[in-house]
Amino acid sequence: MKLSSVVVRWGLGAALAMGVGACASRQQVVEQETRPSESLAAYYPLAVGNRWTYRVNGRVDKTVDVEVLKEEDGYFHDSQGGQLSVDGFGIRDRKRYLLRGPLTEGNAWTNVVSVSSTERYRILQAGVPCEAPAGSFAHCVRVEARNRVDANTTLVNAFTFAEGVGLVRVEVSAEKSNGERLPQTWLELASYQVKDAGR
């Protein structure tokens, strides 16, 4: 399988499948409480009508728009074909947990998404500030996901979630066996419109 198809299937595909929605035209700065929420739902507000717009590779002229269209069978379905849910363990799509509690640095989990594909996740940072073109956010969680493509290459996907906003950045790179990382693609939040996360 070509690396480029793996990037789309697992990197951007997983990100978009997460419900990475789209649309709100103005930049926003989120003012949040001084304490981050322990509610996982606060890090990906799921409600029909919530929208996000992402720049692809930093280009203003290349964007991905996603909107939550409906809720069905316990999952929120978006305009990119993604299906997301929040349960007592974390934020998930139909195959994997993208963010899992507790929201502490070093927390790790594994998702077996097929007989030949195992993804390993770890929280790199929690409760830290982050920025995107859409604004500055006080409480963010950064997660790294790793999936071995072959004997020489591991796909590394870094997700950043902001409290009350959702996914604000996705960075996909290919890590070679010698430790060299080759950037593949990335998304950053340009604008959004979400209902109150219920904190």
N, C-alpha and C. Protein backbone atom coordinates (compact mmCIF):
# COMPACT_ATOMS: atom_id res chain seq x y z
N MET A 1 0.85 -1.18 0.00
CA MET A 1 0.00 0.00 0.00
C MET A 1 0.89 1.24 0.00
N LYS A 2 0.60 2.20 -0.87
CA LYS A 2 1.39 3.42 -0.93
C LYS A 2 1.19 4.26 0.31
N LEU A 3 2.28 4.95 0.72
CA LEU A 3 2.21 5.80 1.90
C LEU A 3 1.16 6.89 1.73
N SER A 4 1.06 7.48 0.53
CA SER A 4 0.09 8.56 0.32
C SER A 4 -1.33 8.11 0.57
N SER A 5 -1.66 6.88 0.19
CA SER A 5 -3.02 6.40 0.44
C SER A 5 -3.24 6.13 1.92
N VAL A 6 -2.18 5.72 2.63
CA VAL A 6 -2.30 5.51 4.07
C VAL A 6 -2.52 6.83 4.78
N VAL A 7 -1.81 7.89 4.33
CA VAL A 7 -1.99 9.21 4.92
C VAL A 7 -3.44 9.63 4.81
N VAL A 8 -4.01 9.48 3.63
CA VAL A 8 -5.40 9.89 3.43
C VAL A 8 -6.33 9.02 4.25
N ARG A 9 -6.11 7.71 4.22
CA ARG A 9 -7.02 6.80 4.92
C ARG A 9 -6.93 6.97 6.43
N TRP A 10 -5.71 7.02 6.96
CA TRP A 10 -5.59 7.04 8.43
C TRP A 10 -5.39 8.43 8.97
N GLY A 11 -4.56 9.24 8.31
CA GLY A 11 -4.28 10.58 8.81
C GLY A 11 -5.45 11.51 8.64
N LEU A 12 -5.65 12.03 7.46
CA LEU A 12 -6.76 12.93 7.20
C LEU A 12 -8.08 12.20 7.34
N GLY A 13 -8.11 10.95 6.89
CA GLY A 13 -9.36 10.19 6.99
C GLY A 13 -9.83 10.07 8.42
N ALA A 14 -8.93 9.73 9.33
CA ALA A 14 -9.31 9.62 10.74
C ALA A 14 -9.72 10.96 11.29
N ALA A 15 -9.00 12.00 10.91
CA ALA A 15 -9.34 13.34 11.40
C ALA A 15 -10.72 13.76 10.93
N LEU A 16 -10.98 13.57 9.64
CA LEU A 16 -12.28 13.97 9.11
C LEU A 16 -13.38 13.05 9.61
N ALA A 17 -13.05 11.80 9.81
CA ALA A 17 -14.05 10.89 10.35
C ALA A 17 -14.41 11.24 11.77
N MET A 18 -13.55 12.01 12.42
CA MET A 18 -13.82 12.41 13.79
C MET A 18 -14.91 13.45 13.86
N GLY A 19 -15.36 13.95 12.76
CA GLY A 19 -16.39 14.95 12.80
C GLY A 19 -15.79 16.33 12.68
N VAL A 20 -14.62 16.43 12.10
CA VAL A 20 -13.97 17.71 11.94
C VAL A 20 -14.86 18.56 11.07
N GLY A 21 -15.71 19.34 11.64
CA GLY A 21 -16.71 20.07 10.90
C GLY A 21 -16.24 21.36 10.32
N ALA A 22 -17.20 22.21 9.91
CA ALA A 22 -16.75 23.35 9.16
C ALA A 22 -17.63 24.55 9.17
N CYS A 23 -17.21 25.64 9.18
CA CYS A 23 -17.79 26.91 8.71
C CYS A 23 -17.80 28.04 9.65
N ALA A 24 -17.81 28.92 10.02
CA ALA A 24 -17.88 30.16 10.75
C ALA A 24 -16.84 31.04 10.15
N SER A 25 -17.24 32.21 9.82
CA SER A 25 -16.38 33.04 8.98
C SER A 25 -15.42 33.92 9.74
N ARG A 26 -15.63 34.20 10.99
CA ARG A 26 -14.75 35.13 11.66
C ARG A 26 -13.85 34.42 12.65
N GLN A 27 -12.68 35.00 12.89
CA GLN A 27 -11.79 34.45 13.90
C GLN A 27 -12.37 34.73 15.27
N GLN A 28 -12.13 33.81 16.18
CA GLN A 28 -12.66 33.97 17.53
C GLN A 28 -11.58 33.66 18.54
N VAL A 29 -11.61 34.36 19.64
CA VAL A 29 -10.72 34.06 20.76
C VAL A 29 -11.61 33.55 21.87
N VAL A 30 -11.31 32.36 22.36
CA VAL A 30 -12.14 31.75 23.38
C VAL A 30 -11.66 32.18 24.75
N GLU A 31 -12.56 32.75 25.52
CA GLU A 31 -12.25 33.07 26.91
C GLU A 31 -12.82 31.95 27.76
N GLN A 32 -11.96 31.28 28.47
CA GLN A 32 -12.39 30.13 29.24
C GLN A 32 -12.05 30.33 30.70
N GLU A 33 -12.65 29.48 31.52
CA GLU A 33 -12.33 29.50 32.94
C GLU A 33 -10.85 29.21 33.13
N THR A 34 -10.33 29.54 34.28
CA THR A 34 -8.91 29.29 34.52
C THR A 34 -8.61 27.82 34.71
N ARG A 35 -9.61 27.02 35.08
CA ARG A 35 -9.40 25.58 35.25
C ARG A 35 -9.95 24.83 34.05
N PRO A 36 -9.18 23.90 33.48
CA PRO A 36 -9.71 23.12 32.37
C PRO A 36 -10.79 22.15 32.85
N SER A 37 -11.68 21.81 31.95
CA SER A 37 -12.76 20.88 32.26
C SER A 37 -12.22 19.46 32.28
N GLU A 38 -12.77 18.63 33.13
CA GLU A 38 -12.44 17.21 33.10
C GLU A 38 -13.40 16.45 32.19
N SER A 39 -14.41 17.14 31.69
CA SER A 39 -15.38 16.51 30.80
C SER A 39 -14.78 16.32 29.41
N LEU A 40 -14.71 15.09 28.96
CA LEU A 40 -14.19 14.82 27.62
C LEU A 40 -15.06 15.46 26.55
N ALA A 41 -16.36 15.52 26.79
CA ALA A 41 -17.28 16.12 25.81
C ALA A 41 -16.93 17.58 25.54
N ALA A 42 -16.33 18.27 26.50
CA ALA A 42 -15.97 19.68 26.32
C ALA A 42 -14.87 19.84 25.27
N TYR A 43 -14.11 18.78 25.00
CA TYR A 43 -13.00 18.88 24.05
C TYR A 43 -13.42 18.53 22.62
N TYR A 44 -14.66 18.14 22.44
CA TYR A 44 -15.20 17.99 21.08
C TYR A 44 -16.70 18.18 21.16
N PRO A 45 -17.17 19.43 21.14
CA PRO A 45 -18.61 19.69 21.27
C PRO A 45 -19.38 19.09 20.09
N LEU A 46 -20.22 18.13 20.38
CA LEU A 46 -20.99 17.47 19.33
C LEU A 46 -22.45 17.86 19.45
N ALA A 47 -22.94 18.56 18.44
CA ALA A 47 -24.34 18.95 18.36
C ALA A 47 -24.66 19.22 16.90
N VAL A 48 -25.86 18.88 16.49
CA VAL A 48 -26.28 19.15 15.11
C VAL A 48 -26.15 20.64 14.85
N GLY A 49 -25.53 20.98 13.73
CA GLY A 49 -25.32 22.37 13.36
C GLY A 49 -23.94 22.91 13.68
N ASN A 50 -23.19 22.22 14.54
CA ASN A 50 -21.82 22.67 14.83
C ASN A 50 -20.99 22.57 13.55
N ARG A 51 -20.13 23.59 13.34
CA ARG A 51 -19.36 23.65 12.09
C ARG A 51 -17.94 24.12 12.37
N TRP A 52 -17.01 23.59 11.56
CA TRP A 52 -15.61 23.96 11.63
C TRP A 52 -15.06 24.08 10.20
N THR A 53 -14.14 25.00 10.00
CA THR A 53 -13.44 25.13 8.72
C THR A 53 -11.95 25.01 9.00
N TYR A 54 -11.28 24.18 8.21
CA TYR A 54 -9.85 23.93 8.38
C TYR A 54 -9.07 24.34 7.15
N ARG A 55 -7.94 24.98 7.37
CA ARG A 55 -6.98 25.22 6.29
C ARG A 55 -6.16 23.96 6.13
N VAL A 56 -5.87 23.60 4.89
CA VAL A 56 -5.03 22.43 4.61
C VAL A 56 -3.63 22.93 4.27
N ASN A 57 -2.64 22.44 4.99
CA ASN A 57 -1.24 22.82 4.79
C ASN A 57 -1.04 24.33 4.83
N GLY A 58 -1.85 25.03 5.64
CA GLY A 58 -1.68 26.47 5.83
C GLY A 58 -2.15 27.34 4.68
N ARG A 59 -2.78 26.75 3.68
CA ARG A 59 -3.21 27.52 2.51
C ARG A 59 -4.60 28.10 2.73
N VAL A 60 -4.72 29.41 2.51
CA VAL A 60 -6.01 30.08 2.66
C VAL A 60 -6.98 29.61 1.59
N ASP A 61 -6.46 29.24 0.41
CA ASP A 61 -7.32 28.86 -0.71
C ASP A 61 -7.68 27.37 -0.71
N LYS A 62 -7.20 26.63 0.27
CA LYS A 62 -7.52 25.20 0.32
C LYS A 62 -8.07 24.90 1.71
N THR A 63 -9.37 24.67 1.78
CA THR A 63 -10.01 24.44 3.08
C THR A 63 -10.87 23.18 3.04
N VAL A 64 -11.14 22.67 4.23
CA VAL A 64 -12.05 21.55 4.43
C VAL A 64 -13.13 22.04 5.38
N ASP A 65 -14.38 21.93 4.96
CA ASP A 65 -15.52 22.33 5.78
C ASP A 65 -16.28 21.11 6.24
N VAL A 66 -16.64 21.10 7.52
CA VAL A 66 -17.41 19.97 8.05
C VAL A 66 -18.49 20.52 8.96
N GLU A 67 -19.67 19.96 8.82
CA GLU A 67 -20.81 20.34 9.65
C GLU A 67 -21.47 19.09 10.20
N VAL A 68 -21.86 19.12 11.47
CA VAL A 68 -22.59 18.00 12.06
C VAL A 68 -24.02 18.07 11.54
N LEU A 69 -24.44 17.02 10.82
CA LEU A 69 -25.73 17.03 10.13
C LEU A 69 -26.85 16.36 10.91
N LYS A 70 -26.51 15.27 11.61
CA LYS A 70 -27.57 14.54 12.32
C LYS A 70 -26.97 13.69 13.42
N GLU A 71 -27.84 13.26 14.33
CA GLU A 71 -27.47 12.30 15.37
C GLU A 71 -28.29 11.06 15.14
N GLU A 72 -27.60 9.91 15.09
CA GLU A 72 -28.29 8.65 14.81
C GLU A 72 -27.51 7.51 15.45
N ASP A 73 -28.20 6.62 16.12
CA ASP A 73 -27.59 5.45 16.76
C ASP A 73 -26.46 5.84 17.72
N GLY A 74 -26.60 6.98 18.39
CA GLY A 74 -25.60 7.40 19.36
C GLY A 74 -24.38 8.08 18.76
N TYR A 75 -24.35 8.28 17.45
CA TYR A 75 -23.22 8.94 16.77
C TYR A 75 -23.71 10.19 16.06
N PHE A 76 -22.82 11.20 16.05
CA PHE A 76 -23.09 12.43 15.30
C PHE A 76 -22.43 12.28 13.94
N HIS A 77 -23.22 12.42 12.88
CA HIS A 77 -22.75 12.25 11.51
C HIS A 77 -22.45 13.61 10.90
N ASP A 78 -21.28 13.72 10.24
CA ASP A 78 -20.92 15.01 9.66
C ASP A 78 -20.93 14.98 8.14
N SER A 79 -20.72 16.14 7.56
CA SER A 79 -20.80 16.31 6.11
C SER A 79 -19.62 15.68 5.36
N GLN A 80 -18.60 15.19 6.07
CA GLN A 80 -17.46 14.52 5.45
C GLN A 80 -17.56 13.00 5.59
N GLY A 81 -18.69 12.52 6.11
CA GLY A 81 -18.87 11.08 6.29
C GLY A 81 -18.38 10.56 7.63
N GLY A 82 -17.91 11.45 8.50
CA GLY A 82 -17.44 11.03 9.81
C GLY A 82 -18.59 10.77 10.78
N GLN A 83 -18.32 9.93 11.77
CA GLN A 83 -19.29 9.62 12.81
C GLN A 83 -18.56 9.61 14.14
N LEU A 84 -18.99 10.48 15.06
CA LEU A 84 -18.34 10.63 16.35
C LEU A 84 -19.31 10.47 17.49
N SER A 85 -18.78 10.02 18.61
CA SER A 85 -19.58 9.88 19.82
C SER A 85 -18.68 10.14 21.03
N VAL A 86 -19.29 10.51 22.13
CA VAL A 86 -18.57 10.63 23.40
C VAL A 86 -19.22 9.68 24.38
N ASP A 87 -18.41 8.82 25.01
CA ASP A 87 -18.95 7.91 26.02
C ASP A 87 -18.16 8.09 27.32
N GLY A 88 -18.32 7.21 28.25
CA GLY A 88 -17.66 7.33 29.54
C GLY A 88 -16.15 7.20 29.48
N PHE A 89 -15.61 6.69 28.36
CA PHE A 89 -14.17 6.52 28.22
C PHE A 89 -13.51 7.63 27.43
N GLY A 90 -14.24 8.20 26.44
CA GLY A 90 -13.62 9.24 25.63
C GLY A 90 -14.40 9.59 24.38
N ILE A 91 -13.70 10.25 23.47
CA ILE A 91 -14.25 10.66 22.18
C ILE A 91 -13.83 9.62 21.16
N ARG A 92 -14.79 9.11 20.38
CA ARG A 92 -14.49 8.00 19.49
C ARG A 92 -15.24 8.10 18.18
N ASP A 93 -14.70 7.44 17.17
CA ASP A 93 -15.46 7.18 15.96
C ASP A 93 -15.84 5.70 16.04
N ARG A 94 -16.25 5.11 14.96
CA ARG A 94 -16.73 3.72 15.01
C ARG A 94 -15.60 2.71 15.25
N LYS A 95 -14.34 3.10 15.00
CA LYS A 95 -13.22 2.16 15.11
C LYS A 95 -12.24 2.47 16.22
N ARG A 96 -12.18 3.72 16.68
CA ARG A 96 -11.08 4.11 17.55
C ARG A 96 -11.49 5.19 18.54
N TYR A 97 -10.77 5.23 19.67
CA TYR A 97 -10.84 6.36 20.59
C TYR A 97 -9.77 7.36 20.15
N LEU A 98 -10.20 8.60 19.90
CA LEU A 98 -9.28 9.65 19.49
C LEU A 98 -8.74 10.41 20.70
N LEU A 99 -9.55 10.48 21.73
CA LEU A 99 -9.14 11.10 22.99
C LEU A 99 -9.78 10.29 24.10
N ARG A 100 -8.96 9.88 25.07
CA ARG A 100 -9.46 9.02 26.13
C ARG A 100 -8.97 9.53 27.48
N GLY A 101 -9.84 9.48 28.47
CA GLY A 101 -9.48 9.94 29.80
C GLY A 101 -8.64 8.91 30.54
N PRO A 102 -7.98 9.33 31.62
CA PRO A 102 -7.98 10.69 32.16
C PRO A 102 -7.14 11.62 31.31
N LEU A 103 -7.48 12.91 31.36
CA LEU A 103 -6.79 13.92 30.55
C LEU A 103 -5.50 14.34 31.26
N THR A 104 -4.54 13.42 31.27
CA THR A 104 -3.26 13.68 31.92
C THR A 104 -2.13 13.30 30.96
N GLU A 105 -1.06 14.04 31.04
CA GLU A 105 0.11 13.77 30.20
C GLU A 105 0.60 12.35 30.44
N GLY A 106 0.86 11.63 29.35
CA GLY A 106 1.36 10.26 29.45
C GLY A 106 0.28 9.20 29.37
N ASN A 107 -1.00 9.57 29.55
CA ASN A 107 -2.06 8.57 29.42
C ASN A 107 -1.99 7.96 28.02
N ALA A 108 -2.05 6.62 27.93
CA ALA A 108 -1.90 5.94 26.64
C ALA A 108 -2.97 4.88 26.47
N TRP A 109 -3.31 4.59 25.21
CA TRP A 109 -4.27 3.55 24.89
C TRP A 109 -3.99 3.03 23.49
N THR A 110 -4.56 1.87 23.17
CA THR A 110 -4.35 1.22 21.89
C THR A 110 -5.70 0.96 21.23
N ASN A 111 -5.75 1.19 19.91
CA ASN A 111 -6.94 0.86 19.13
C ASN A 111 -6.56 -0.17 18.08
N VAL A 112 -7.21 -1.32 18.09
CA VAL A 112 -7.02 -2.31 17.04
C VAL A 112 -8.13 -2.05 16.02
N VAL A 113 -7.76 -1.46 14.88
CA VAL A 113 -8.77 -1.06 13.90
C VAL A 113 -9.00 -2.10 12.81
N SER A 114 -8.08 -3.06 12.70
CA SER A 114 -8.27 -4.20 11.79
C SER A 114 -7.26 -5.27 12.20
N VAL A 115 -7.31 -6.42 11.55
CA VAL A 115 -6.39 -7.50 11.90
C VAL A 115 -4.95 -7.12 11.60
N SER A 116 -4.74 -6.17 10.70
CA SER A 116 -3.37 -5.79 10.35
C SER A 116 -3.00 -4.36 10.76
N SER A 117 -3.85 -3.71 11.54
CA SER A 117 -3.59 -2.31 11.88
C SER A 117 -3.90 -2.02 13.35
N THR A 118 -2.85 -1.64 14.08
CA THR A 118 -2.99 -1.26 15.48
C THR A 118 -2.46 0.16 15.65
N GLU A 119 -3.27 1.03 16.22
CA GLU A 119 -2.88 2.41 16.46
C GLU A 119 -2.59 2.59 17.94
N ARG A 120 -1.48 3.27 18.26
CA ARG A 120 -1.08 3.52 19.64
C ARG A 120 -1.14 5.02 19.90
N TYR A 121 -1.91 5.40 20.92
CA TYR A 121 -2.16 6.80 21.25
C TYR A 121 -1.54 7.14 22.60
N ARG A 122 -1.12 8.42 22.72
CA ARG A 122 -0.58 8.90 23.99
C ARG A 122 -0.83 10.39 24.10
N ILE A 123 -1.26 10.85 25.26
CA ILE A 123 -1.43 12.28 25.49
C ILE A 123 -0.05 12.87 25.76
N LEU A 124 0.36 13.80 24.89
CA LEU A 124 1.66 14.46 25.02
C LEU A 124 1.61 15.63 25.99
N GLN A 125 0.50 16.40 25.93
CA GLN A 125 0.32 17.56 26.79
C GLN A 125 -1.15 17.68 27.13
N ALA A 126 -1.45 18.19 28.31
CA ALA A 126 -2.84 18.41 28.72
C ALA A 126 -2.93 19.70 29.51
N GLY A 127 -4.02 20.45 29.31
CA GLY A 127 -4.23 21.69 30.04
C GLY A 127 -3.29 22.81 29.65
N VAL A 128 -2.80 22.78 28.41
CA VAL A 128 -1.87 23.80 27.94
C VAL A 128 -2.55 24.71 26.93
N PRO A 129 -2.05 25.94 26.74
CA PRO A 129 -2.63 26.81 25.72
C PRO A 129 -2.22 26.36 24.32
N CYS A 130 -3.02 26.72 23.32
CA CYS A 130 -2.67 26.44 21.93
C CYS A 130 -3.26 27.55 21.06
N GLU A 131 -2.77 27.63 19.83
CA GLU A 131 -3.23 28.65 18.90
C GLU A 131 -3.49 28.05 17.54
N ALA A 132 -4.37 28.72 16.78
CA ALA A 132 -4.67 28.39 15.40
C ALA A 132 -5.16 29.69 14.77
N PRO A 133 -5.30 29.73 13.46
CA PRO A 133 -5.84 30.94 12.84
C PRO A 133 -7.20 31.35 13.42
N ALA A 134 -7.96 30.39 13.96
CA ALA A 134 -9.27 30.69 14.53
C ALA A 134 -9.19 31.37 15.88
N GLY A 135 -8.02 31.38 16.53
CA GLY A 135 -7.91 32.04 17.82
C GLY A 135 -6.90 31.39 18.74
N SER A 136 -6.87 31.90 19.97
CA SER A 136 -6.02 31.36 21.04
C SER A 136 -6.92 30.69 22.06
N PHE A 137 -6.50 29.54 22.55
CA PHE A 137 -7.34 28.74 23.43
C PHE A 137 -6.54 28.37 24.68
N ALA A 138 -7.16 28.53 25.83
CA ALA A 138 -6.46 28.39 27.10
C ALA A 138 -6.18 26.94 27.50
N HIS A 139 -7.12 26.04 27.22
CA HIS A 139 -7.00 24.66 27.70
C HIS A 139 -7.07 23.68 26.53
N CYS A 140 -5.91 23.11 26.21
CA CYS A 140 -5.83 22.20 25.06
C CYS A 140 -5.18 20.89 25.47
N VAL A 141 -5.45 19.86 24.67
CA VAL A 141 -4.86 18.53 24.87
C VAL A 141 -4.23 18.13 23.54
N ARG A 142 -2.97 17.69 23.60
CA ARG A 142 -2.27 17.26 22.39
C ARG A 142 -2.03 15.75 22.49
N VAL A 143 -2.49 15.04 21.46
CA VAL A 143 -2.42 13.58 21.42
C VAL A 143 -1.59 13.15 20.23
N GLU A 144 -0.73 12.15 20.43
CA GLU A 144 0.02 11.56 19.32
C GLU A 144 -0.48 10.15 19.07
N ALA A 145 -0.75 9.85 17.80
CA ALA A 145 -1.16 8.51 17.40
C ALA A 145 -0.11 7.94 16.45
N ARG A 146 0.24 6.68 16.65
CA ARG A 146 1.27 6.05 15.81
C ARG A 146 0.70 4.75 15.23
N ASN A 147 0.96 4.54 13.92
CA ASN A 147 0.50 3.35 13.23
C ASN A 147 1.61 2.89 12.29
N ARG A 148 2.12 1.69 12.53
CA ARG A 148 3.22 1.18 11.70
C ARG A 148 2.70 0.80 10.32
N VAL A 149 3.30 1.39 9.29
CA VAL A 149 2.89 1.13 7.90
C VAL A 149 3.62 -0.09 7.37
N ASP A 150 4.92 -0.14 7.59
CA ASP A 150 5.74 -1.28 7.18
C ASP A 150 6.97 -1.32 8.07
N ALA A 151 7.93 -2.17 7.74
CA ALA A 151 9.12 -2.34 8.59
C ALA A 151 9.94 -1.07 8.72
N ASN A 152 9.81 -0.16 7.77
CA ASN A 152 10.64 1.04 7.77
C ASN A 152 9.89 2.34 8.07
N THR A 153 8.57 2.30 8.13
CA THR A 153 7.80 3.55 8.24
C THR A 153 6.67 3.43 9.25
N THR A 154 6.57 4.45 10.10
CA THR A 154 5.45 4.59 11.03
C THR A 154 4.76 5.91 10.73
N LEU A 155 3.45 5.87 10.58
CA LEU A 155 2.69 7.09 10.38
C LEU A 155 2.40 7.70 11.74
N VAL A 156 2.74 8.98 11.92
CA VAL A 156 2.55 9.68 13.19
C VAL A 156 1.55 10.80 12.96
N ASN A 157 0.50 10.79 13.75
CA ASN A 157 -0.59 11.75 13.61
C ASN A 157 -0.74 12.47 14.94
N ALA A 158 -0.56 13.80 14.95
CA ALA A 158 -0.70 14.59 16.17
C ALA A 158 -1.99 15.40 16.10
N PHE A 159 -2.86 15.21 17.09
CA PHE A 159 -4.13 15.93 17.17
C PHE A 159 -4.07 16.91 18.33
N THR A 160 -4.59 18.12 18.14
CA THR A 160 -4.72 19.07 19.23
C THR A 160 -6.19 19.43 19.38
N PHE A 161 -6.73 19.21 20.58
CA PHE A 161 -8.12 19.52 20.90
C PHE A 161 -8.15 20.70 21.84
N ALA A 162 -9.08 21.64 21.62
CA ALA A 162 -9.25 22.78 22.53
C ALA A 162 -10.59 22.67 23.24
N GLU A 163 -10.58 22.94 24.53
CA GLU A 163 -11.80 22.88 25.33
C GLU A 163 -12.84 23.86 24.79
N GLY A 164 -14.06 23.39 24.62
CA GLY A 164 -15.15 24.22 24.13
C GLY A 164 -15.15 24.46 22.64
N VAL A 165 -14.16 23.90 21.94
CA VAL A 165 -14.02 24.16 20.50
C VAL A 165 -13.98 22.87 19.69
N GLY A 166 -13.12 21.93 20.07
CA GLY A 166 -12.94 20.70 19.32
C GLY A 166 -11.53 20.60 18.77
N LEU A 167 -11.41 19.96 17.65
CA LEU A 167 -10.12 19.72 17.02
C LEU A 167 -9.62 21.02 16.39
N VAL A 168 -8.42 21.46 16.78
CA VAL A 168 -7.88 22.70 16.22
C VAL A 168 -6.67 22.47 15.32
N ARG A 169 -6.05 21.31 15.39
CA ARG A 169 -4.89 21.05 14.53
C ARG A 169 -4.68 19.55 14.36
N VAL A 170 -4.28 19.15 13.14
CA VAL A 170 -3.89 17.78 12.85
C VAL A 170 -2.59 17.85 12.05
N GLU A 171 -1.58 17.13 12.49
CA GLU A 171 -0.29 17.08 11.78
C GLU A 171 0.04 15.63 11.49
N VAL A 172 0.26 15.31 10.23
CA VAL A 172 0.57 13.94 9.83
C VAL A 172 1.99 13.90 9.28
N SER A 173 2.79 12.97 9.80
CA SER A 173 4.15 12.80 9.29
C SER A 173 4.48 11.32 9.20
N ALA A 174 5.47 11.00 8.38
CA ALA A 174 5.96 9.63 8.25
C ALA A 174 7.31 9.57 8.96
N GLU A 175 7.43 8.65 9.91
CA GLU A 175 8.69 8.49 10.66
C GLU A 175 9.42 7.27 10.13
N LYS A 176 10.65 7.48 9.68
CA LYS A 176 11.46 6.39 9.16
C LYS A 176 12.12 5.63 10.32
N SER A 177 12.64 4.46 10.05
CA SER A 177 13.24 3.63 11.10
C SER A 177 14.46 4.30 11.74
N ASN A 178 15.09 5.25 11.04
CA ASN A 178 16.24 5.96 11.61
C ASN A 178 15.81 7.16 12.46
N GLY A 179 14.49 7.36 12.64
CA GLY A 179 13.97 8.44 13.45
C GLY A 179 13.65 9.71 12.69
N GLU A 180 14.02 9.77 11.42
CA GLU A 180 13.72 10.95 10.60
C GLU A 180 12.22 11.06 10.36
N ARG A 181 11.68 12.28 10.55
CA ARG A 181 10.26 12.52 10.32
C ARG A 181 10.07 13.35 9.06
N LEU A 182 9.20 12.88 8.18
CA LEU A 182 8.90 13.57 6.94
C LEU A 182 7.46 14.08 7.01
N PRO A 183 7.26 15.40 7.08
CA PRO A 183 5.89 15.93 7.13
C PRO A 183 5.10 15.51 5.90
N GLN A 184 3.85 15.11 6.11
CA GLN A 184 2.99 14.69 5.01
C GLN A 184 1.91 15.73 4.71
N THR A 185 1.14 16.08 5.74
CA THR A 185 0.09 17.07 5.57
C THR A 185 -0.34 17.57 6.93
N TRP A 186 -1.06 18.69 6.96
CA TRP A 186 -1.59 19.18 8.23
C TRP A 186 -2.81 20.04 7.99
N LEU A 187 -3.64 20.10 9.02
CA LEU A 187 -4.85 20.92 9.02
C LEU A 187 -4.80 21.83 10.23
N GLU A 188 -5.33 23.06 10.10
CA GLU A 188 -5.44 23.95 11.25
C GLU A 188 -6.78 24.66 11.18
N LEU A 189 -7.38 24.88 12.35
CA LEU A 189 -8.71 25.46 12.43
C LEU A 189 -8.68 26.92 12.00
N ALA A 190 -9.49 27.25 11.00
CA ALA A 190 -9.57 28.63 10.50
C ALA A 190 -10.75 29.37 11.11
N SER A 191 -11.87 28.68 11.30
CA SER A 191 -13.05 29.30 11.90
C SER A 191 -13.98 28.19 12.37
N TYR A 192 -14.92 28.55 13.23
CA TYR A 192 -15.83 27.54 13.77
C TYR A 192 -17.08 28.21 14.32
N GLN A 193 -18.09 27.38 14.50
CA GLN A 193 -19.33 27.81 15.15
C GLN A 193 -19.88 26.61 15.90
N VAL A 194 -19.82 26.67 17.21
CA VAL A 194 -20.31 25.54 18.02
C VAL A 194 -21.27 26.03 19.09
N LYS A 195 -22.20 25.18 19.44
CA LYS A 195 -23.10 25.46 20.56
C LYS A 195 -22.33 25.24 21.85
N ASP A 196 -22.85 25.77 22.95
CA ASP A 196 -22.20 25.63 24.25
C ASP A 196 -21.87 24.16 24.50
N ALA A 197 -20.60 23.92 24.92
CA ALA A 197 -20.15 22.55 25.15
C ALA A 197 -20.77 21.93 26.38
N GLY A 198 -21.58 22.65 27.14
CA GLY A 198 -22.26 22.07 28.27
C GLY A 198 -21.39 21.92 29.49
N ARG A 199 -20.36 22.80 29.64
CA ARG A 199 -19.49 22.70 30.79
C ARG A 199 -20.16 23.29 32.01
